[in-house]
Amino acid sequence: MPDLRQFAPATQRNREPILALLQSLLPPGGAVLEISSGTGEHACFLARHLGPRPWIPSDPNPLARASISAWQQAEAVPNLLPPLDLDVCVTPWPLETDPLPPGLAAWDQTQWSLGAIVNINMIHISPWEACLGLMAGAGRLLPPGGLLYLYGPYKQGGEHTAPSNAAFDQSLRSQDPRWGVRDLEAVVTAAQAQGLVWQQTVSMPAQNLSVIFRREGQGL
């Protein structure tokens, strides 16, 4: 059988710093929904180290979902659930219509809850509507105090943080004019409109940022 696993070189460079930050941020319980899981490499690595929390990968691309499933089969990560077909711009999201995702039988379903949403390297490689859809979905699904974690390059104060990010932005826009490195302030504003409170921004490798939000409410 063909090996359907895809590979993203950046995963090897950023997965350890992302893991270290998530270990300090994630609530003690609850599942993690990963939006736009891509190849599935992050999903496998992070799920293995952040168990026993259920890790729910997702992607709207069937080739990506096939890669995620192939990584799960190759790595045998017990808390990594099957990938959801989830497009952030399409409502309702699968967890809104079927709140018990496939593969949850290994856990006590009476204690099932969503604790966090993780999104790595999507907002700049998608139309702005995808960012808005992500924020709206997080606002609907996360419980009070629930975590939304974003990773990727951003402009700050309308300026790129490094020449390499400016070049990357030009490359993205040449592929699709709807793509591009986003203004961090615009992302924060979009989040606030959905009841998500910005908590901190952390510098990461290769001029990227981790941006952390919490769902407003008693859990904050």
N, C-alpha and C. Protein backbone atom coordinates (compact mmCIF):
# COMPACT_ATOMS: atom_id res chain seq x y z
N MET A 1 0.84 -1.20 0.00
CA MET A 1 0.00 0.00 0.00
C MET A 1 0.87 1.25 0.00
N PRO A 2 0.42 2.29 -0.69
CA PRO A 2 1.22 3.53 -0.72
C PRO A 2 1.24 4.20 0.65
N ASP A 3 2.33 4.88 0.92
CA ASP A 3 2.45 5.65 2.16
C ASP A 3 1.85 7.03 1.91
N LEU A 4 0.74 7.34 2.54
CA LEU A 4 0.02 8.59 2.32
C LEU A 4 0.49 9.71 3.22
N ARG A 5 1.52 9.45 4.03
CA ARG A 5 2.01 10.51 4.92
C ARG A 5 2.66 11.63 4.12
N GLN A 6 2.31 12.87 4.47
CA GLN A 6 2.97 14.05 3.92
C GLN A 6 3.92 14.61 4.97
N PHE A 7 4.88 15.41 4.50
CA PHE A 7 5.92 15.93 5.39
C PHE A 7 6.04 17.45 5.20
N ALA A 8 6.13 18.17 6.32
CA ALA A 8 6.35 19.62 6.31
C ALA A 8 7.62 19.90 7.10
N PRO A 9 8.69 20.36 6.44
CA PRO A 9 9.98 20.55 7.13
C PRO A 9 9.90 21.46 8.35
N ALA A 10 9.02 22.46 8.32
CA ALA A 10 8.94 23.40 9.44
C ALA A 10 8.51 22.72 10.73
N THR A 11 7.81 21.59 10.61
CA THR A 11 7.33 20.90 11.82
C THR A 11 8.48 20.53 12.74
N GLN A 12 9.56 20.05 12.19
CA GLN A 12 10.70 19.64 13.01
C GLN A 12 11.33 20.83 13.74
N ARG A 13 11.22 22.00 13.14
CA ARG A 13 11.85 23.19 13.74
C ARG A 13 11.02 23.80 14.86
N ASN A 14 9.69 23.70 14.75
CA ASN A 14 8.88 24.46 15.71
C ASN A 14 8.09 23.61 16.70
N ARG A 15 8.11 22.28 16.54
CA ARG A 15 7.22 21.49 17.38
C ARG A 15 7.62 21.48 18.85
N GLU A 16 8.91 21.49 19.14
CA GLU A 16 9.34 21.48 20.55
C GLU A 16 8.95 22.78 21.27
N PRO A 17 9.22 23.97 20.68
CA PRO A 17 8.79 25.20 21.36
C PRO A 17 7.27 25.29 21.51
N ILE A 18 6.53 24.82 20.50
CA ILE A 18 5.07 24.83 20.62
C ILE A 18 4.63 23.91 21.75
N LEU A 19 5.21 22.72 21.82
CA LEU A 19 4.87 21.78 22.89
C LEU A 19 5.15 22.38 24.26
N ALA A 20 6.31 22.99 24.43
CA ALA A 20 6.67 23.56 25.73
C ALA A 20 5.66 24.61 26.17
N LEU A 21 5.21 25.42 25.22
CA LEU A 21 4.25 26.46 25.56
C LEU A 21 2.88 25.87 25.88
N LEU A 22 2.44 24.90 25.08
CA LEU A 22 1.14 24.29 25.34
C LEU A 22 1.14 23.56 26.68
N GLN A 23 2.24 22.95 27.05
CA GLN A 23 2.30 22.27 28.35
C GLN A 23 2.05 23.24 29.50
N SER A 24 2.42 24.48 29.31
CA SER A 24 2.22 25.48 30.37
C SER A 24 0.85 26.16 30.28
N LEU A 25 0.16 26.00 29.15
CA LEU A 25 -1.07 26.75 28.93
C LEU A 25 -2.35 25.92 29.01
N LEU A 26 -2.28 24.66 28.59
CA LEU A 26 -3.50 23.87 28.47
C LEU A 26 -4.15 23.63 29.82
N PRO A 27 -5.47 23.65 29.86
CA PRO A 27 -6.15 23.28 31.11
C PRO A 27 -5.87 21.82 31.43
N PRO A 28 -6.02 21.42 32.69
CA PRO A 28 -5.66 20.05 33.08
C PRO A 28 -6.53 18.99 32.42
N GLY A 29 -7.73 19.34 32.03
CA GLY A 29 -8.63 18.37 31.41
C GLY A 29 -9.24 18.92 30.14
N GLY A 30 -9.98 18.08 29.46
CA GLY A 30 -10.64 18.50 28.23
C GLY A 30 -9.84 18.15 27.00
N ALA A 31 -10.55 17.93 25.91
CA ALA A 31 -9.93 17.59 24.64
C ALA A 31 -9.40 18.83 23.94
N VAL A 32 -8.52 18.59 22.98
CA VAL A 32 -7.95 19.66 22.16
C VAL A 32 -8.41 19.44 20.72
N LEU A 33 -9.02 20.45 20.14
CA LEU A 33 -9.40 20.44 18.73
C LEU A 33 -8.35 21.21 17.95
N GLU A 34 -7.68 20.53 17.02
CA GLU A 34 -6.70 21.20 16.16
C GLU A 34 -7.35 21.55 14.84
N ILE A 35 -7.33 22.82 14.49
CA ILE A 35 -7.90 23.31 13.24
C ILE A 35 -6.82 23.36 12.18
N SER A 36 -7.13 22.84 11.00
CA SER A 36 -6.20 22.84 9.87
C SER A 36 -4.92 22.10 10.23
N SER A 37 -5.06 20.80 10.46
CA SER A 37 -3.94 19.98 10.92
C SER A 37 -2.92 19.67 9.84
N GLY A 38 -3.25 19.91 8.57
CA GLY A 38 -2.28 19.73 7.50
C GLY A 38 -1.78 18.31 7.38
N THR A 39 -0.46 18.13 7.44
CA THR A 39 0.13 16.81 7.25
C THR A 39 -0.21 15.84 8.37
N GLY A 40 -0.50 16.36 9.56
CA GLY A 40 -0.76 15.52 10.72
C GLY A 40 0.46 15.30 11.61
N GLU A 41 1.61 15.84 11.21
CA GLU A 41 2.83 15.65 12.00
C GLU A 41 2.73 16.32 13.36
N HIS A 42 2.23 17.57 13.38
CA HIS A 42 2.04 18.24 14.67
C HIS A 42 1.05 17.46 15.53
N ALA A 43 -0.03 16.99 14.91
CA ALA A 43 -1.06 16.28 15.67
C ALA A 43 -0.47 15.07 16.37
N CYS A 44 0.31 14.27 15.64
CA CYS A 44 0.91 13.08 16.23
C CYS A 44 1.87 13.43 17.36
N PHE A 45 2.73 14.38 17.10
CA PHE A 45 3.75 14.74 18.09
C PHE A 45 3.12 15.35 19.33
N LEU A 46 2.23 16.31 19.14
CA LEU A 46 1.64 17.00 20.29
C LEU A 46 0.71 16.09 21.07
N ALA A 47 -0.09 15.29 20.35
CA ALA A 47 -0.99 14.38 21.06
C ALA A 47 -0.21 13.41 21.94
N ARG A 48 0.89 12.87 21.41
CA ARG A 48 1.68 11.90 22.17
C ARG A 48 2.20 12.51 23.48
N HIS A 49 2.61 13.77 23.42
CA HIS A 49 3.23 14.40 24.60
C HIS A 49 2.21 15.10 25.51
N LEU A 50 1.00 15.28 25.02
CA LEU A 50 0.02 16.00 25.82
C LEU A 50 -1.13 15.10 26.28
N GLY A 51 -0.96 13.80 26.10
CA GLY A 51 -1.97 12.87 26.58
C GLY A 51 -2.06 12.88 28.10
N PRO A 52 -3.11 12.32 28.65
CA PRO A 52 -4.12 11.52 27.97
C PRO A 52 -5.25 12.32 27.33
N ARG A 53 -5.11 13.63 27.22
CA ARG A 53 -6.16 14.42 26.58
C ARG A 53 -6.46 13.88 25.17
N PRO A 54 -7.72 13.73 24.80
CA PRO A 54 -8.02 13.41 23.40
C PRO A 54 -7.60 14.58 22.51
N TRP A 55 -6.94 14.26 21.39
CA TRP A 55 -6.52 15.28 20.43
C TRP A 55 -7.32 15.03 19.14
N ILE A 56 -8.09 16.03 18.72
CA ILE A 56 -8.97 15.89 17.57
C ILE A 56 -8.41 16.70 16.41
N PRO A 57 -7.77 16.07 15.44
CA PRO A 57 -7.26 16.81 14.27
C PRO A 57 -8.41 17.09 13.31
N SER A 58 -8.19 18.05 12.42
CA SER A 58 -9.21 18.35 11.41
C SER A 58 -8.56 19.03 10.21
N ASP A 59 -9.20 18.89 9.07
CA ASP A 59 -8.76 19.59 7.87
C ASP A 59 -9.84 19.45 6.80
N PRO A 60 -10.07 20.49 6.01
CA PRO A 60 -11.07 20.37 4.94
C PRO A 60 -10.55 19.63 3.71
N ASN A 61 -9.23 19.43 3.62
CA ASN A 61 -8.61 18.81 2.45
C ASN A 61 -8.57 17.29 2.64
N PRO A 62 -9.20 16.52 1.76
CA PRO A 62 -9.17 15.06 1.93
C PRO A 62 -7.78 14.46 1.86
N LEU A 63 -6.87 15.06 1.09
CA LEU A 63 -5.49 14.56 1.04
C LEU A 63 -4.80 14.77 2.38
N ALA A 64 -5.08 15.90 3.02
CA ALA A 64 -4.51 16.15 4.35
C ALA A 64 -5.07 15.16 5.36
N ARG A 65 -6.37 14.91 5.29
CA ARG A 65 -6.97 13.95 6.24
C ARG A 65 -6.40 12.55 6.03
N ALA A 66 -6.12 12.19 4.78
CA ALA A 66 -5.50 10.90 4.52
C ALA A 66 -4.10 10.84 5.13
N SER A 67 -3.37 11.96 5.04
CA SER A 67 -2.04 12.01 5.64
C SER A 67 -2.12 11.91 7.16
N ILE A 68 -3.07 12.61 7.76
CA ILE A 68 -3.24 12.54 9.21
C ILE A 68 -3.52 11.11 9.65
N SER A 69 -4.43 10.44 8.94
CA SER A 69 -4.76 9.05 9.28
C SER A 69 -3.54 8.14 9.11
N ALA A 70 -2.75 8.40 8.07
CA ALA A 70 -1.55 7.58 7.83
C ALA A 70 -0.52 7.78 8.94
N TRP A 71 -0.36 9.01 9.40
CA TRP A 71 0.56 9.27 10.51
C TRP A 71 0.06 8.57 11.78
N GLN A 72 -1.24 8.64 12.01
CA GLN A 72 -1.81 7.99 13.20
C GLN A 72 -1.56 6.48 13.15
N GLN A 73 -1.74 5.87 11.99
CA GLN A 73 -1.50 4.43 11.86
C GLN A 73 -0.02 4.10 12.04
N ALA A 74 0.86 4.95 11.51
CA ALA A 74 2.30 4.68 11.60
C ALA A 74 2.83 4.87 13.01
N GLU A 75 2.30 5.88 13.71
CA GLU A 75 2.82 6.23 15.03
C GLU A 75 2.05 5.59 16.18
N ALA A 76 0.80 5.16 15.90
CA ALA A 76 -0.04 4.51 16.92
C ALA A 76 -0.14 5.35 18.19
N VAL A 77 -0.58 6.59 18.04
CA VAL A 77 -0.78 7.48 19.18
C VAL A 77 -2.19 7.24 19.73
N PRO A 78 -2.33 6.70 20.93
CA PRO A 78 -3.65 6.23 21.38
C PRO A 78 -4.68 7.33 21.58
N ASN A 79 -4.27 8.54 21.92
CA ASN A 79 -5.22 9.61 22.18
C ASN A 79 -5.45 10.51 20.97
N LEU A 80 -4.93 10.14 19.79
CA LEU A 80 -5.18 10.90 18.57
C LEU A 80 -6.40 10.33 17.87
N LEU A 81 -7.45 11.12 17.77
CA LEU A 81 -8.71 10.68 17.19
C LEU A 81 -8.68 10.81 15.67
N PRO A 82 -9.60 10.18 14.96
CA PRO A 82 -9.67 10.33 13.51
C PRO A 82 -9.92 11.79 13.12
N PRO A 83 -9.38 12.23 11.98
CA PRO A 83 -9.53 13.63 11.59
C PRO A 83 -10.95 13.98 11.16
N LEU A 84 -11.38 15.15 11.55
CA LEU A 84 -12.69 15.66 11.14
C LEU A 84 -12.56 16.42 9.82
N ASP A 85 -13.60 16.34 9.02
CA ASP A 85 -13.73 17.18 7.82
C ASP A 85 -14.32 18.50 8.29
N LEU A 86 -13.46 19.50 8.51
CA LEU A 86 -13.90 20.75 9.11
C LEU A 86 -13.33 21.93 8.33
N ASP A 87 -14.21 22.73 7.78
CA ASP A 87 -13.88 24.00 7.13
C ASP A 87 -14.37 25.11 8.04
N VAL A 88 -13.46 25.95 8.51
CA VAL A 88 -13.85 26.97 9.50
C VAL A 88 -14.90 27.93 8.98
N CYS A 89 -15.00 28.06 7.65
CA CYS A 89 -15.96 29.00 7.06
C CYS A 89 -17.35 28.40 6.89
N VAL A 90 -17.49 27.12 7.18
CA VAL A 90 -18.78 26.44 7.01
C VAL A 90 -19.37 26.16 8.39
N THR A 91 -20.55 26.67 8.64
CA THR A 91 -21.22 26.44 9.93
C THR A 91 -22.46 25.58 9.69
N PRO A 92 -22.81 24.77 10.68
CA PRO A 92 -22.09 24.56 11.95
C PRO A 92 -20.88 23.66 11.76
N TRP A 93 -19.95 23.71 12.70
CA TRP A 93 -18.82 22.80 12.69
C TRP A 93 -19.30 21.41 13.13
N PRO A 94 -18.54 20.36 12.75
CA PRO A 94 -18.96 19.00 13.10
C PRO A 94 -19.24 18.79 14.59
N LEU A 95 -18.44 19.37 15.46
CA LEU A 95 -18.65 19.16 16.89
C LEU A 95 -19.91 19.85 17.40
N GLU A 96 -20.49 20.73 16.59
CA GLU A 96 -21.75 21.36 16.99
C GLU A 96 -22.94 20.49 16.64
N THR A 97 -22.83 19.69 15.60
CA THR A 97 -23.93 18.82 15.20
C THR A 97 -23.80 17.42 15.79
N ASP A 98 -22.55 16.99 16.04
CA ASP A 98 -22.28 15.69 16.66
C ASP A 98 -21.20 15.89 17.71
N PRO A 99 -21.59 16.25 18.93
CA PRO A 99 -20.60 16.66 19.94
C PRO A 99 -19.69 15.53 20.42
N LEU A 100 -19.98 14.29 20.04
CA LEU A 100 -19.08 13.19 20.41
C LEU A 100 -18.34 12.74 19.15
N PRO A 101 -17.08 13.17 18.98
CA PRO A 101 -16.36 12.86 17.74
C PRO A 101 -16.05 11.38 17.60
N PRO A 102 -15.82 10.90 16.37
CA PRO A 102 -15.48 9.49 16.17
C PRO A 102 -14.21 9.12 16.94
N GLY A 103 -14.20 7.92 17.47
CA GLY A 103 -13.02 7.43 18.17
C GLY A 103 -12.99 7.75 19.64
N LEU A 104 -14.06 8.34 20.17
CA LEU A 104 -14.04 8.74 21.57
C LEU A 104 -14.37 7.59 22.51
N ALA A 105 -14.63 6.41 21.98
CA ALA A 105 -15.06 5.29 22.81
C ALA A 105 -14.03 4.93 23.88
N ALA A 106 -12.76 5.27 23.65
CA ALA A 106 -11.72 4.92 24.62
C ALA A 106 -11.79 5.79 25.88
N TRP A 107 -12.59 6.84 25.85
CA TRP A 107 -12.70 7.73 27.00
C TRP A 107 -14.10 7.66 27.59
N ASP A 108 -14.21 8.11 28.81
CA ASP A 108 -15.50 8.18 29.46
C ASP A 108 -16.29 9.33 28.84
N GLN A 109 -17.29 8.99 28.05
CA GLN A 109 -18.02 10.03 27.33
C GLN A 109 -18.81 10.94 28.26
N THR A 110 -19.11 10.47 29.47
CA THR A 110 -19.83 11.33 30.40
C THR A 110 -18.97 12.48 30.88
N GLN A 111 -17.64 12.35 30.73
CA GLN A 111 -16.72 13.40 31.15
C GLN A 111 -16.14 14.16 29.96
N TRP A 112 -16.69 13.93 28.78
CA TRP A 112 -16.18 14.56 27.57
C TRP A 112 -16.41 16.06 27.60
N SER A 113 -15.39 16.82 27.27
CA SER A 113 -15.53 18.27 27.15
C SER A 113 -14.39 18.78 26.27
N LEU A 114 -14.58 19.94 25.68
CA LEU A 114 -13.55 20.59 24.88
C LEU A 114 -12.85 21.63 25.74
N GLY A 115 -11.52 21.55 25.82
CA GLY A 115 -10.78 22.49 26.65
C GLY A 115 -10.00 23.52 25.87
N ALA A 116 -9.65 23.20 24.60
CA ALA A 116 -8.77 24.10 23.87
C ALA A 116 -8.92 23.89 22.36
N ILE A 117 -8.61 24.93 21.62
CA ILE A 117 -8.51 24.89 20.16
C ILE A 117 -7.12 25.38 19.79
N VAL A 118 -6.45 24.62 18.94
CA VAL A 118 -5.08 24.94 18.50
C VAL A 118 -5.09 25.13 16.98
N ASN A 119 -4.43 26.19 16.52
CA ASN A 119 -4.35 26.46 15.08
C ASN A 119 -2.94 26.91 14.75
N ILE A 120 -2.25 26.10 13.95
CA ILE A 120 -0.85 26.35 13.61
C ILE A 120 -0.74 26.64 12.12
N ASN A 121 -0.23 27.83 11.78
CA ASN A 121 0.09 28.17 10.39
C ASN A 121 -1.09 28.03 9.44
N MET A 122 -2.21 28.67 9.78
CA MET A 122 -3.33 28.69 8.84
C MET A 122 -3.71 30.10 8.40
N ILE A 123 -3.72 31.03 9.34
CA ILE A 123 -4.35 32.32 9.09
C ILE A 123 -3.71 33.05 7.91
N HIS A 124 -2.40 32.89 7.71
CA HIS A 124 -1.74 33.59 6.61
C HIS A 124 -1.84 32.86 5.28
N ILE A 125 -2.19 31.56 5.32
CA ILE A 125 -2.29 30.78 4.09
C ILE A 125 -3.76 30.47 3.83
N SER A 126 -4.60 31.47 3.95
CA SER A 126 -6.04 31.34 3.74
C SER A 126 -6.63 32.74 3.63
N PRO A 127 -7.83 32.86 3.08
CA PRO A 127 -8.47 34.17 3.04
C PRO A 127 -8.77 34.69 4.44
N TRP A 128 -8.95 35.98 4.56
CA TRP A 128 -9.27 36.58 5.85
C TRP A 128 -10.54 35.98 6.45
N GLU A 129 -11.46 35.55 5.58
CA GLU A 129 -12.70 34.94 6.07
C GLU A 129 -12.42 33.71 6.92
N ALA A 130 -11.30 33.01 6.66
CA ALA A 130 -10.96 31.85 7.47
C ALA A 130 -10.62 32.25 8.89
N CYS A 131 -9.92 33.36 9.06
CA CYS A 131 -9.64 33.86 10.41
C CYS A 131 -10.94 34.21 11.13
N LEU A 132 -11.83 34.89 10.43
CA LEU A 132 -13.11 35.24 11.04
C LEU A 132 -13.92 34.00 11.40
N GLY A 133 -13.90 32.99 10.52
CA GLY A 133 -14.60 31.75 10.81
C GLY A 133 -14.02 31.01 11.99
N LEU A 134 -12.69 31.03 12.10
CA LEU A 134 -12.02 30.40 13.23
C LEU A 134 -12.45 31.06 14.53
N MET A 135 -12.44 32.38 14.57
CA MET A 135 -12.81 33.09 15.79
C MET A 135 -14.27 32.85 16.15
N ALA A 136 -15.13 32.84 15.15
CA ALA A 136 -16.55 32.61 15.43
C ALA A 136 -16.77 31.21 15.99
N GLY A 137 -16.11 30.21 15.38
CA GLY A 137 -16.25 28.84 15.88
C GLY A 137 -15.70 28.66 17.27
N ALA A 138 -14.56 29.28 17.53
CA ALA A 138 -13.98 29.20 18.88
C ALA A 138 -14.91 29.86 19.90
N GLY A 139 -15.51 30.96 19.50
CA GLY A 139 -16.44 31.63 20.40
C GLY A 139 -17.66 30.78 20.71
N ARG A 140 -18.10 29.99 19.74
CA ARG A 140 -19.27 29.13 19.95
C ARG A 140 -18.94 27.89 20.77
N LEU A 141 -17.76 27.31 20.56
CA LEU A 141 -17.46 25.99 21.11
C LEU A 141 -16.70 26.00 22.43
N LEU A 142 -15.80 26.96 22.61
CA LEU A 142 -14.97 26.92 23.82
C LEU A 142 -15.79 27.25 25.06
N PRO A 143 -15.52 26.55 26.16
CA PRO A 143 -16.17 26.89 27.42
C PRO A 143 -15.52 28.14 28.03
N PRO A 144 -16.14 28.75 29.02
CA PRO A 144 -15.49 29.87 29.70
C PRO A 144 -14.10 29.47 30.20
N GLY A 145 -13.11 30.29 29.86
CA GLY A 145 -11.74 30.00 30.23
C GLY A 145 -11.01 29.09 29.26
N GLY A 146 -11.72 28.56 28.26
CA GLY A 146 -11.09 27.69 27.27
C GLY A 146 -10.04 28.42 26.47
N LEU A 147 -9.03 27.68 26.00
CA LEU A 147 -7.86 28.25 25.34
C LEU A 147 -8.00 28.23 23.83
N LEU A 148 -7.64 29.33 23.18
CA LEU A 148 -7.40 29.37 21.74
C LEU A 148 -5.95 29.74 21.54
N TYR A 149 -5.21 28.84 20.88
CA TYR A 149 -3.78 29.02 20.66
C TYR A 149 -3.51 29.15 19.17
N LEU A 150 -2.85 30.24 18.77
CA LEU A 150 -2.48 30.48 17.37
C LEU A 150 -0.97 30.54 17.25
N TYR A 151 -0.47 30.02 16.13
CA TYR A 151 0.97 30.08 15.85
C TYR A 151 1.15 30.49 14.40
N GLY A 152 2.09 31.41 14.17
CA GLY A 152 2.41 31.80 12.80
C GLY A 152 3.07 33.17 12.76
N PRO A 153 3.34 33.70 11.56
CA PRO A 153 3.92 35.04 11.42
C PRO A 153 2.82 36.10 11.46
N TYR A 154 3.15 37.26 12.01
CA TYR A 154 2.21 38.37 12.07
C TYR A 154 2.96 39.69 11.90
N LYS A 155 2.25 40.68 11.36
CA LYS A 155 2.72 42.05 11.42
C LYS A 155 2.28 42.65 12.76
N GLN A 156 3.07 43.58 13.26
CA GLN A 156 2.72 44.27 14.49
C GLN A 156 2.80 45.78 14.24
N GLY A 157 1.75 46.49 14.60
CA GLY A 157 1.71 47.92 14.31
C GLY A 157 1.76 48.20 12.82
N GLY A 158 1.26 47.28 12.02
CA GLY A 158 1.25 47.46 10.58
C GLY A 158 2.57 47.18 9.89
N GLU A 159 3.58 46.75 10.65
CA GLU A 159 4.92 46.52 10.08
C GLU A 159 5.33 45.06 10.25
N HIS A 160 6.06 44.57 9.26
CA HIS A 160 6.61 43.22 9.38
C HIS A 160 7.68 43.21 10.47
N THR A 161 7.81 42.07 11.15
CA THR A 161 8.76 41.97 12.24
C THR A 161 10.16 41.61 11.77
N ALA A 162 10.31 41.24 10.48
CA ALA A 162 11.61 40.89 9.93
C ALA A 162 11.54 40.94 8.41
N PRO A 163 12.66 41.24 7.74
CA PRO A 163 12.66 41.21 6.26
C PRO A 163 12.20 39.87 5.68
N SER A 164 12.53 38.78 6.37
CA SER A 164 12.11 37.47 5.88
C SER A 164 10.60 37.33 5.86
N ASN A 165 9.92 37.93 6.84
CA ASN A 165 8.46 37.89 6.86
C ASN A 165 7.86 38.74 5.76
N ALA A 166 8.50 39.86 5.45
CA ALA A 166 8.03 40.69 4.34
C ALA A 166 8.14 39.94 3.02
N ALA A 167 9.25 39.24 2.82
CA ALA A 167 9.42 38.45 1.60
C ALA A 167 8.42 37.31 1.56
N PHE A 168 8.18 36.69 2.70
CA PHE A 168 7.20 35.61 2.77
C PHE A 168 5.81 36.13 2.42
N ASP A 169 5.48 37.31 2.93
CA ASP A 169 4.18 37.92 2.65
C ASP A 169 4.01 38.14 1.14
N GLN A 170 5.03 38.65 0.48
CA GLN A 170 4.97 38.87 -0.96
C GLN A 170 4.79 37.55 -1.71
N SER A 171 5.49 36.51 -1.26
CA SER A 171 5.36 35.20 -1.88
C SER A 171 3.95 34.65 -1.74
N LEU A 172 3.38 34.80 -0.56
CA LEU A 172 2.02 34.32 -0.34
C LEU A 172 1.03 35.04 -1.24
N ARG A 173 1.13 36.37 -1.30
CA ARG A 173 0.19 37.15 -2.09
C ARG A 173 0.34 36.90 -3.59
N SER A 174 1.55 36.51 -4.02
CA SER A 174 1.74 36.18 -5.43
C SER A 174 1.04 34.87 -5.78
N GLN A 175 0.89 33.98 -4.78
CA GLN A 175 0.19 32.72 -5.01
C GLN A 175 -1.32 32.91 -4.98
N ASP A 176 -1.79 33.77 -4.08
CA ASP A 176 -3.22 34.05 -3.94
C ASP A 176 -3.35 35.41 -3.27
N PRO A 177 -3.93 36.40 -3.95
CA PRO A 177 -4.01 37.75 -3.36
C PRO A 177 -4.84 37.81 -2.08
N ARG A 178 -5.59 36.76 -1.79
CA ARG A 178 -6.38 36.73 -0.55
C ARG A 178 -5.55 36.28 0.64
N TRP A 179 -4.34 35.76 0.39
CA TRP A 179 -3.47 35.29 1.47
C TRP A 179 -2.57 36.43 1.94
N GLY A 180 -1.82 36.19 3.00
CA GLY A 180 -0.83 37.17 3.44
C GLY A 180 -0.66 37.18 4.95
N VAL A 181 0.49 37.67 5.39
CA VAL A 181 0.77 37.81 6.81
C VAL A 181 -0.17 38.87 7.39
N ARG A 182 -0.88 38.53 8.43
CA ARG A 182 -1.94 39.39 8.97
C ARG A 182 -1.41 40.35 10.03
N ASP A 183 -2.14 41.45 10.19
CA ASP A 183 -1.88 42.38 11.28
C ASP A 183 -2.36 41.74 12.58
N LEU A 184 -1.48 41.64 13.55
CA LEU A 184 -1.85 41.03 14.82
C LEU A 184 -3.02 41.77 15.45
N GLU A 185 -3.01 43.08 15.34
CA GLU A 185 -4.08 43.87 15.95
C GLU A 185 -5.45 43.54 15.35
N ALA A 186 -5.48 43.28 14.04
CA ALA A 186 -6.75 42.92 13.39
C ALA A 186 -7.22 41.55 13.86
N VAL A 187 -6.29 40.63 14.07
CA VAL A 187 -6.65 39.29 14.56
C VAL A 187 -7.20 39.39 15.98
N VAL A 188 -6.56 40.20 16.82
CA VAL A 188 -7.05 40.38 18.19
C VAL A 188 -8.44 40.99 18.19
N THR A 189 -8.67 41.97 17.33
CA THR A 189 -9.99 42.60 17.24
C THR A 189 -11.05 41.60 16.81
N ALA A 190 -10.71 40.75 15.83
CA ALA A 190 -11.66 39.73 15.37
C ALA A 190 -11.97 38.74 16.50
N ALA A 191 -10.98 38.41 17.30
CA ALA A 191 -11.20 37.50 18.42
C ALA A 191 -12.08 38.13 19.49
N GLN A 192 -11.81 39.38 19.81
CA GLN A 192 -12.58 40.06 20.85
C GLN A 192 -14.06 40.15 20.48
N ALA A 193 -14.34 40.26 19.19
CA ALA A 193 -15.73 40.34 18.74
C ALA A 193 -16.50 39.06 19.01
N GLN A 194 -15.76 37.96 19.26
CA GLN A 194 -16.40 36.67 19.53
C GLN A 194 -16.25 36.24 20.99
N GLY A 195 -15.92 37.18 21.85
CA GLY A 195 -15.82 36.86 23.27
C GLY A 195 -14.53 36.19 23.66
N LEU A 196 -13.47 36.37 22.86
CA LEU A 196 -12.17 35.77 23.14
C LEU A 196 -11.22 36.87 23.61
N VAL A 197 -10.65 36.69 24.76
CA VAL A 197 -9.82 37.71 25.40
C VAL A 197 -8.35 37.41 25.13
N TRP A 198 -7.63 38.36 24.53
CA TRP A 198 -6.19 38.19 24.33
C TRP A 198 -5.48 38.16 25.67
N GLN A 199 -4.56 37.19 25.83
CA GLN A 199 -3.81 37.09 27.08
C GLN A 199 -2.34 37.43 26.92
N GLN A 200 -1.71 36.88 25.89
CA GLN A 200 -0.29 37.17 25.70
C GLN A 200 0.15 36.79 24.30
N THR A 201 1.28 37.39 23.89
CA THR A 201 1.93 37.06 22.63
C THR A 201 3.37 36.67 22.96
N VAL A 202 3.81 35.53 22.42
CA VAL A 202 5.12 34.98 22.76
C VAL A 202 5.94 34.84 21.49
N SER A 203 7.17 35.35 21.49
CA SER A 203 8.07 35.20 20.35
C SER A 203 8.50 33.74 20.22
N MET A 204 8.53 33.28 18.96
CA MET A 204 8.84 31.88 18.68
C MET A 204 9.92 31.81 17.59
N PRO A 205 10.37 30.60 17.24
CA PRO A 205 11.44 30.48 16.23
C PRO A 205 11.03 31.04 14.87
N ALA A 206 12.03 31.45 14.09
CA ALA A 206 11.84 31.88 12.69
C ALA A 206 10.88 33.04 12.56
N GLN A 207 10.93 33.99 13.51
CA GLN A 207 10.12 35.21 13.46
C GLN A 207 8.62 34.92 13.50
N ASN A 208 8.25 33.84 14.15
CA ASN A 208 6.83 33.54 14.34
C ASN A 208 6.40 33.96 15.74
N LEU A 209 5.09 33.97 15.95
CA LEU A 209 4.53 34.33 17.24
C LEU A 209 3.51 33.28 17.67
N SER A 210 3.42 33.07 18.97
CA SER A 210 2.29 32.36 19.56
C SER A 210 1.37 33.41 20.17
N VAL A 211 0.10 33.32 19.83
CA VAL A 211 -0.88 34.29 20.32
C VAL A 211 -1.93 33.51 21.10
N ILE A 212 -2.16 33.90 22.34
CA ILE A 212 -2.98 33.12 23.26
C ILE A 212 -4.20 33.93 23.65
N PHE A 213 -5.37 33.28 23.50
CA PHE A 213 -6.66 33.85 23.89
C PHE A 213 -7.36 32.90 24.86
N ARG A 214 -8.23 33.46 25.67
CA ARG A 214 -9.11 32.66 26.52
C ARG A 214 -10.56 33.10 26.28
N ARG A 215 -11.45 32.14 26.32
CA ARG A 215 -12.88 32.46 26.21
C ARG A 215 -13.31 33.18 27.47
N GLU A 216 -13.95 34.32 27.29
CA GLU A 216 -14.34 35.09 28.46
C GLU A 216 -15.38 34.32 29.28
N GLY A 217 -15.39 34.60 30.56
CA GLY A 217 -16.33 33.92 31.44
C GLY A 217 -15.67 33.52 32.75
N GLN A 218 -16.32 32.68 33.50
CA GLN A 218 -15.90 32.35 34.85
C GLN A 218 -14.53 31.68 34.88
N GLY A 219 -14.16 30.96 33.79
CA GLY A 219 -12.89 30.24 33.80
C GLY A 219 -11.68 31.11 33.67
N LEU A 220 -11.85 32.39 33.35
CA LEU A 220 -10.69 33.27 33.17
C LEU A 220 -10.05 33.61 34.51
